[in-house]
C-alpha cells in the first residue's frame, strides 16, 4: 500500500512543479448554529457536530472547536508522516499522535484582557512504529514539521477576514 502513497506523492509533486497554477486549492466549510451552543458543520459531503462541554454551557454532544483544532493537527501530522516516510523510503508501520492544549478560560470569558482566548500552548507526542534508524526518523520529523499544513497554520499568522452580514440564516449545505 505504501507504494501507492509514494506514487501519489511523486506524481502530484511532479505535476505541481510542471504547472504551479494547479497548486492553488480552496477548502470550504459551512457552519450553522443549532440549539444552544451546538453547531452543524458541513465540509464537502460530510457533516460534523460541534458543541461545548456542559461545564462551558453546552450539552456535550460533540467535540468543541478547540478540540477539533487538536484533532486536525494530530491527523495532519499522521498523514504527513505517512506520505513523507513513503516518499523518502523510510519504513513506517504506523503513527499516532496524542495532543493536549492548554487554555486560560479568562481570555474567552473576558475576565482579563491580557489573556488571549486561544491555546497558550499545545503539546504533542508522536509515536512512530518503525524499524528505521533514529537519524532517519529525526530527518523525517524535520521534513514533516516543515510541510504539515495544520502545523504551519498554527505556527504562523494566517490572514483571516470575517465579514458580517445581516439576513436570514440559511441551512447548512
C-alpha atoms as a PDB file:
ATOM      1  CA  UNK A   1       0.000   0.000   0.000  1.00  0.00           C
ATOM      2  CA  UNK A   2       2.835   2.431   0.751  1.00  0.00           C
ATOM      3  CA  UNK A   3       3.985   2.121  -2.869  1.00  0.00           C
ATOM      4  CA  UNK A   4       0.694   3.711  -3.920  1.00  0.00           C
ATOM      5  CA  UNK A   5       1.241   6.629  -1.496  1.00  0.00           C
ATOM      6  CA  UNK A   6       4.689   7.225  -2.962  1.00  0.00           C
ATOM      7  CA  UNK A   7       3.220   7.204  -6.472  1.00  0.00           C
ATOM      8  CA  UNK A   8       0.531   9.720  -5.486  1.00  0.00           C
ATOM      9  CA  UNK A   9       3.108  11.903  -3.751  1.00  0.00           C
ATOM     10  CA  UNK A  10       5.677  11.927  -6.546  1.00  0.00           C
ATOM     11  CA  UNK A  11       3.051  12.221  -9.272  1.00  0.00           C
ATOM     12  CA  UNK A  12       1.456  15.229  -7.579  1.00  0.00           C
ATOM     13  CA  UNK A  13       4.854  16.773  -6.822  1.00  0.00           C
ATOM     14  CA  UNK A  14       5.873  16.436 -10.487  1.00  0.00           C
ATOM     15  CA  UNK A  15       2.578  17.866 -11.774  1.00  0.00           C
ATOM     16  CA  UNK A  16       2.745  20.868  -9.434  1.00  0.00           C
ATOM     17  CA  UNK A  17       6.351  21.540 -10.379  1.00  0.00           C
ATOM     18  CA  UNK A  18       5.438  21.496 -14.064  1.00  0.00           C
ATOM     19  CA  UNK A  19       2.355  23.722 -13.658  1.00  0.00           C
ATOM     20  CA  UNK A  20       2.336  25.805 -10.432  1.00  0.00           C
ATOM     21  CA  UNK A  21      -1.134  27.170 -11.330  1.00  0.00           C
ATOM     22  CA  UNK A  22      -2.512  23.736 -10.379  1.00  0.00           C
ATOM     23  CA  UNK A  23      -1.249  24.211  -6.827  1.00  0.00           C
ATOM     24  CA  UNK A  24      -3.942  26.638  -5.716  1.00  0.00           C
ATOM     25  CA  UNK A  25      -6.685  24.883  -3.763  1.00  0.00           C
ATOM     26  CA  UNK A  26      -9.589  26.235  -1.747  1.00  0.00           C
ATOM     27  CA  UNK A  27     -11.188  24.290   1.064  1.00  0.00           C
ATOM     28  CA  UNK A  28     -14.600  25.304   2.369  1.00  0.00           C
ATOM     29  CA  UNK A  29     -16.780  24.675   5.379  1.00  0.00           C
ATOM     30  CA  UNK A  30     -20.210  25.984   6.348  1.00  0.00           C
ATOM     31  CA  UNK A  31     -21.412  26.100   9.920  1.00  0.00           C
ATOM     32  CA  UNK A  32     -24.897  26.683  11.288  1.00  0.00           C
ATOM     33  CA  UNK A  33     -25.744  27.013  14.947  1.00  0.00           C
ATOM     34  CA  UNK A  34     -28.458  24.701  16.184  1.00  0.00           C
ATOM     35  CA  UNK A  35     -29.853  24.895  19.719  1.00  0.00           C
ATOM     36  CA  UNK A  36     -27.787  26.417  22.474  1.00  0.00           C
ATOM     37  CA  UNK A  37     -24.097  26.164  21.640  1.00  0.00           C
ATOM     38  CA  UNK A  38     -24.197  23.221  19.230  1.00  0.00           C
ATOM     39  CA  UNK A  39     -23.467  23.643  15.541  1.00  0.00           C
ATOM     40  CA  UNK A  40     -23.575  21.504  12.425  1.00  0.00           C
ATOM     41  CA  UNK A  41     -20.575  21.997  10.156  1.00  0.00           C
ATOM     42  CA  UNK A  42     -20.703  20.804   6.566  1.00  0.00           C
ATOM     43  CA  UNK A  43     -17.473  20.074   4.729  1.00  0.00           C
ATOM     44  CA  UNK A  44     -17.910  18.602   1.259  1.00  0.00           C
ATOM     45  CA  UNK A  45     -20.401  15.732   1.766  1.00  0.00           C
ATOM     46  CA  UNK A  46     -19.652  15.384   5.491  1.00  0.00           C
ATOM     47  CA  UNK A  47     -21.467  16.908   8.445  1.00  0.00           C
ATOM     48  CA  UNK A  48     -19.821  17.039  11.836  1.00  0.00           C
ATOM     49  CA  UNK A  49     -21.246  18.207  15.109  1.00  0.00           C
ATOM     50  CA  UNK A  50     -19.694  20.831  17.341  1.00  0.00           C
ATOM     51  CA  UNK A  51     -20.716  21.586  20.924  1.00  0.00           C
ATOM     52  CA  UNK A  52     -19.244  22.674  24.218  1.00  0.00           C
ATOM     53  CA  UNK A  53     -18.885  20.589  27.367  1.00  0.00           C
ATOM     54  CA  UNK A  54     -21.654  21.068  29.911  1.00  0.00           C
ATOM     55  CA  UNK A  55     -19.266  22.997  32.162  1.00  0.00           C
ATOM     56  CA  UNK A  56     -18.907  25.632  29.431  1.00  0.00           C
ATOM     57  CA  UNK A  57     -22.642  25.915  28.714  1.00  0.00           C
ATOM     58  CA  UNK A  58     -23.078  23.235  26.064  1.00  0.00           C
ATOM     59  CA  UNK A  59     -24.851  19.895  26.008  1.00  0.00           C
ATOM     60  CA  UNK A  60     -21.620  17.918  25.382  1.00  0.00           C
ATOM     61  CA  UNK A  61     -22.998  16.304  22.204  1.00  0.00           C
ATOM     62  CA  UNK A  62     -19.779  16.681  20.182  1.00  0.00           C
ATOM     63  CA  UNK A  63     -16.205  17.959  20.443  1.00  0.00           C
ATOM     64  CA  UNK A  64     -15.753  21.704  20.787  1.00  0.00           C
ATOM     65  CA  UNK A  65     -13.902  23.859  18.230  1.00  0.00           C
ATOM     66  CA  UNK A  66     -10.544  23.834  20.022  1.00  0.00           C
ATOM     67  CA  UNK A  67     -10.712  20.049  20.339  1.00  0.00           C
ATOM     68  CA  UNK A  68     -11.167  19.913  16.562  1.00  0.00           C
ATOM     69  CA  UNK A  69      -8.013  22.022  16.215  1.00  0.00           C
ATOM     70  CA  UNK A  70      -6.130  19.372  18.181  1.00  0.00           C
ATOM     71  CA  UNK A  71      -7.742  16.622  16.098  1.00  0.00           C
ATOM     72  CA  UNK A  72      -6.818  18.433  12.887  1.00  0.00           C
ATOM     73  CA  UNK A  73      -3.187  18.791  13.979  1.00  0.00           C
ATOM     74  CA  UNK A  74      -2.921  15.146  15.030  1.00  0.00           C
ATOM     75  CA  UNK A  75      -4.472  13.784  11.850  1.00  0.00           C
ATOM     76  CA  UNK A  76      -2.444  16.144   9.651  1.00  0.00           C
ATOM     77  CA  UNK A  77       0.772  15.035  11.349  1.00  0.00           C
ATOM     78  CA  UNK A  78      -0.153  11.375  10.783  1.00  0.00           C
ATOM     79  CA  UNK A  79      -0.965  11.961   7.111  1.00  0.00           C
ATOM     80  CA  UNK A  80       2.192  13.983   6.543  1.00  0.00           C
ATOM     81  CA  UNK A  81       4.358  11.347   8.275  1.00  0.00           C
ATOM     82  CA  UNK A  82       2.806   8.596   6.133  1.00  0.00           C
ATOM     83  CA  UNK A  83       3.306  10.455   2.845  1.00  0.00           C
ATOM     84  CA  UNK A  84       6.841  11.640   3.547  1.00  0.00           C
ATOM     85  CA  UNK A  85       8.003   8.327   5.027  1.00  0.00           C
ATOM     86  CA  UNK A  86       6.941   6.635   1.812  1.00  0.00           C
ATOM     87  CA  UNK A  87       8.410   9.392  -0.379  1.00  0.00           C
ATOM     88  CA  UNK A  88      11.747   9.247   1.457  1.00  0.00           C
ATOM     89  CA  UNK A  89      11.843   5.451   1.598  1.00  0.00           C
ATOM     90  CA  UNK A  90      11.744   5.373   5.401  1.00  0.00           C
ATOM     91  CA  UNK A  91       9.854   2.319   6.677  1.00  0.00           C
ATOM     92  CA  UNK A  92       6.854   3.266   8.808  1.00  0.00           C
ATOM     93  CA  UNK A  93       4.416   0.675  10.128  1.00  0.00           C
ATOM     94  CA  UNK A  94       2.198   3.190  11.907  1.00  0.00           C
ATOM     95  CA  UNK A  95       1.977   6.586  13.525  1.00  0.00           C
ATOM     96  CA  UNK A  96      -0.140   8.008  16.315  1.00  0.00           C
ATOM     97  CA  UNK A  97      -0.297  11.420  17.931  1.00  0.00           C
ATOM     98  CA  UNK A  98      -1.551  12.378  21.398  1.00  0.00           C
ATOM     99  CA  UNK A  99      -2.194  16.086  21.916  1.00  0.00           C
ATOM    100  CA  UNK A 100      -3.073  18.417  24.768  1.00  0.00           C
ATOM    101  CA  UNK A 101      -3.822  22.102  24.508  1.00  0.00           C
ATOM    102  CA  UNK A 102      -3.787  24.455  27.486  1.00  0.00           C
ATOM    103  CA  UNK A 103      -6.258  27.345  27.539  1.00  0.00           C
ATOM    104  CA  UNK A 104      -6.728  30.013  30.169  1.00  0.00           C
ATOM    105  CA  UNK A 105     -10.523  30.486  30.075  1.00  0.00           C
ATOM    106  CA  UNK A 106     -10.209  34.033  31.439  1.00  0.00           C
ATOM    107  CA  UNK A 107      -9.494  35.118  27.856  1.00  0.00           C
ATOM    108  CA  UNK A 108     -12.620  33.521  26.379  1.00  0.00           C
ATOM    109  CA  UNK A 109     -14.854  34.753  29.182  1.00  0.00           C
ATOM    110  CA  UNK A 110     -13.423  38.309  29.085  1.00  0.00           C
ATOM    111  CA  UNK A 111     -12.150  38.188  32.660  1.00  0.00           C
ATOM    112  CA  UNK A 112      -8.692  39.518  31.804  1.00  0.00           C
ATOM    113  CA  UNK A 113      -7.950  41.396  28.567  1.00  0.00           C
ATOM    114  CA  UNK A 114      -4.273  40.474  28.811  1.00  0.00           C
ATOM    115  CA  UNK A 115      -5.085  36.752  28.449  1.00  0.00           C
ATOM    116  CA  UNK A 116      -5.535  35.505  24.891  1.00  0.00           C
ATOM    117  CA  UNK A 117      -8.632  33.347  24.324  1.00  0.00           C
ATOM    118  CA  UNK A 118      -6.838  30.628  22.348  1.00  0.00           C
ATOM    119  CA  UNK A 119      -4.362  27.954  23.268  1.00  0.00           C
ATOM    120  CA  UNK A 120      -1.489  29.100  25.437  1.00  0.00           C
ATOM    121  CA  UNK A 121       0.465  26.036  24.358  1.00  0.00           C
ATOM    122  CA  UNK A 122      -0.040  22.729  22.563  1.00  0.00           C
ATOM    123  CA  UNK A 123       1.910  19.604  23.449  1.00  0.00           C
ATOM    124  CA  UNK A 124       2.023  16.623  21.118  1.00  0.00           C
ATOM    125  CA  UNK A 125       3.625  13.230  21.491  1.00  0.00           C
ATOM    126  CA  UNK A 126       4.185  11.480  18.164  1.00  0.00           C
ATOM    127  CA  UNK A 127       4.769   7.733  18.272  1.00  0.00           C
ATOM    128  CA  UNK A 128       6.322   6.118  15.211  1.00  0.00           C
ATOM    129  CA  UNK A 129       6.277   2.350  14.783  1.00  0.00           C
ATOM    130  CA  UNK A 130       9.324   1.955  12.568  1.00  0.00           C
ATOM    131  CA  UNK A 131      12.474  -0.128  12.242  1.00  0.00           C
ATOM    132  CA  UNK A 132      14.256   2.937  10.801  1.00  0.00           C
ATOM    133  CA  UNK A 133      17.313   4.420  12.481  1.00  0.00           C
ATOM    134  CA  UNK A 134      16.985   7.316  14.912  1.00  0.00           C
ATOM    135  CA  UNK A 135      18.779   9.506  12.360  1.00  0.00           C
ATOM    136  CA  UNK A 136      16.239   8.651   9.637  1.00  0.00           C
ATOM    137  CA  UNK A 137      13.323   9.311  11.997  1.00  0.00           C
ATOM    138  CA  UNK A 138      14.833  12.656  13.034  1.00  0.00           C
ATOM    139  CA  UNK A 139      15.201  13.560   9.341  1.00  0.00           C
ATOM    140  CA  UNK A 140      11.585  12.505   8.749  1.00  0.00           C
ATOM    141  CA  UNK A 141      10.395  14.657  11.667  1.00  0.00           C
ATOM    142  CA  UNK A 142      12.227  17.692  10.262  1.00  0.00           C
ATOM    143  CA  UNK A 143      10.572  17.225   6.871  1.00  0.00           C
ATOM    144  CA  UNK A 144       7.124  16.612   8.373  1.00  0.00           C
ATOM    145  CA  UNK A 145       7.333  19.658  10.643  1.00  0.00           C
ATOM    146  CA  UNK A 146       8.333  21.786   7.625  1.00  0.00           C
ATOM    147  CA  UNK A 147       5.484  20.540   5.427  1.00  0.00           C
ATOM    148  CA  UNK A 148       2.500  19.779   7.719  1.00  0.00           C
ATOM    149  CA  UNK A 149      -0.225  22.294   6.709  1.00  0.00           C
ATOM    150  CA  UNK A 150      -2.051  22.406  10.053  1.00  0.00           C
ATOM    151  CA  UNK A 151       1.196  22.832  11.985  1.00  0.00           C
ATOM    152  CA  UNK A 152       2.054  25.711   9.648  1.00  0.00           C
ATOM    153  CA  UNK A 153      -1.377  27.291  10.226  1.00  0.00           C
ATOM    154  CA  UNK A 154      -0.867  27.125  13.989  1.00  0.00           C
ATOM    155  CA  UNK A 155       2.727  28.368  13.975  1.00  0.00           C
ATOM    156  CA  UNK A 156       2.345  31.248  11.535  1.00  0.00           C
ATOM    157  CA  UNK A 157      -0.146  34.095  11.289  1.00  0.00           C
ATOM    158  CA  UNK A 158      -2.765  33.461   8.616  1.00  0.00           C
ATOM    159  CA  UNK A 159      -4.746  36.420   7.315  1.00  0.00           C
ATOM    160  CA  UNK A 160      -8.398  35.944   8.271  1.00  0.00           C
ATOM    161  CA  UNK A 161     -11.190  38.230   7.126  1.00  0.00           C
ATOM    162  CA  UNK A 162     -14.553  37.841   8.856  1.00  0.00           C
ATOM    163  CA  UNK A 163     -17.326  39.741   7.115  1.00  0.00           C
ATOM    164  CA  UNK A 164     -20.592  40.408   8.944  1.00  0.00           C
ATOM    165  CA  UNK A 165     -23.900  40.246   7.078  1.00  0.00           C
ATOM    166  CA  UNK A 166     -27.450  40.755   8.282  1.00  0.00           C
ATOM    167  CA  UNK A 167     -30.176  38.474   6.968  1.00  0.00           C
ATOM    168  CA  UNK A 168     -31.909  35.151   7.293  1.00  0.00           C
ATOM    169  CA  UNK A 169     -29.697  32.262   8.294  1.00  0.00           C
ATOM    170  CA  UNK A 170     -29.573  29.625   5.584  1.00  0.00           C
ATOM    171  CA  UNK A 171     -29.473  25.937   6.311  1.00  0.00           C
ATOM    172  CA  UNK A 172     -26.074  24.280   6.233  1.00  0.00           C
ATOM    173  CA  UNK A 173     -25.375  22.998   2.751  1.00  0.00           C
END
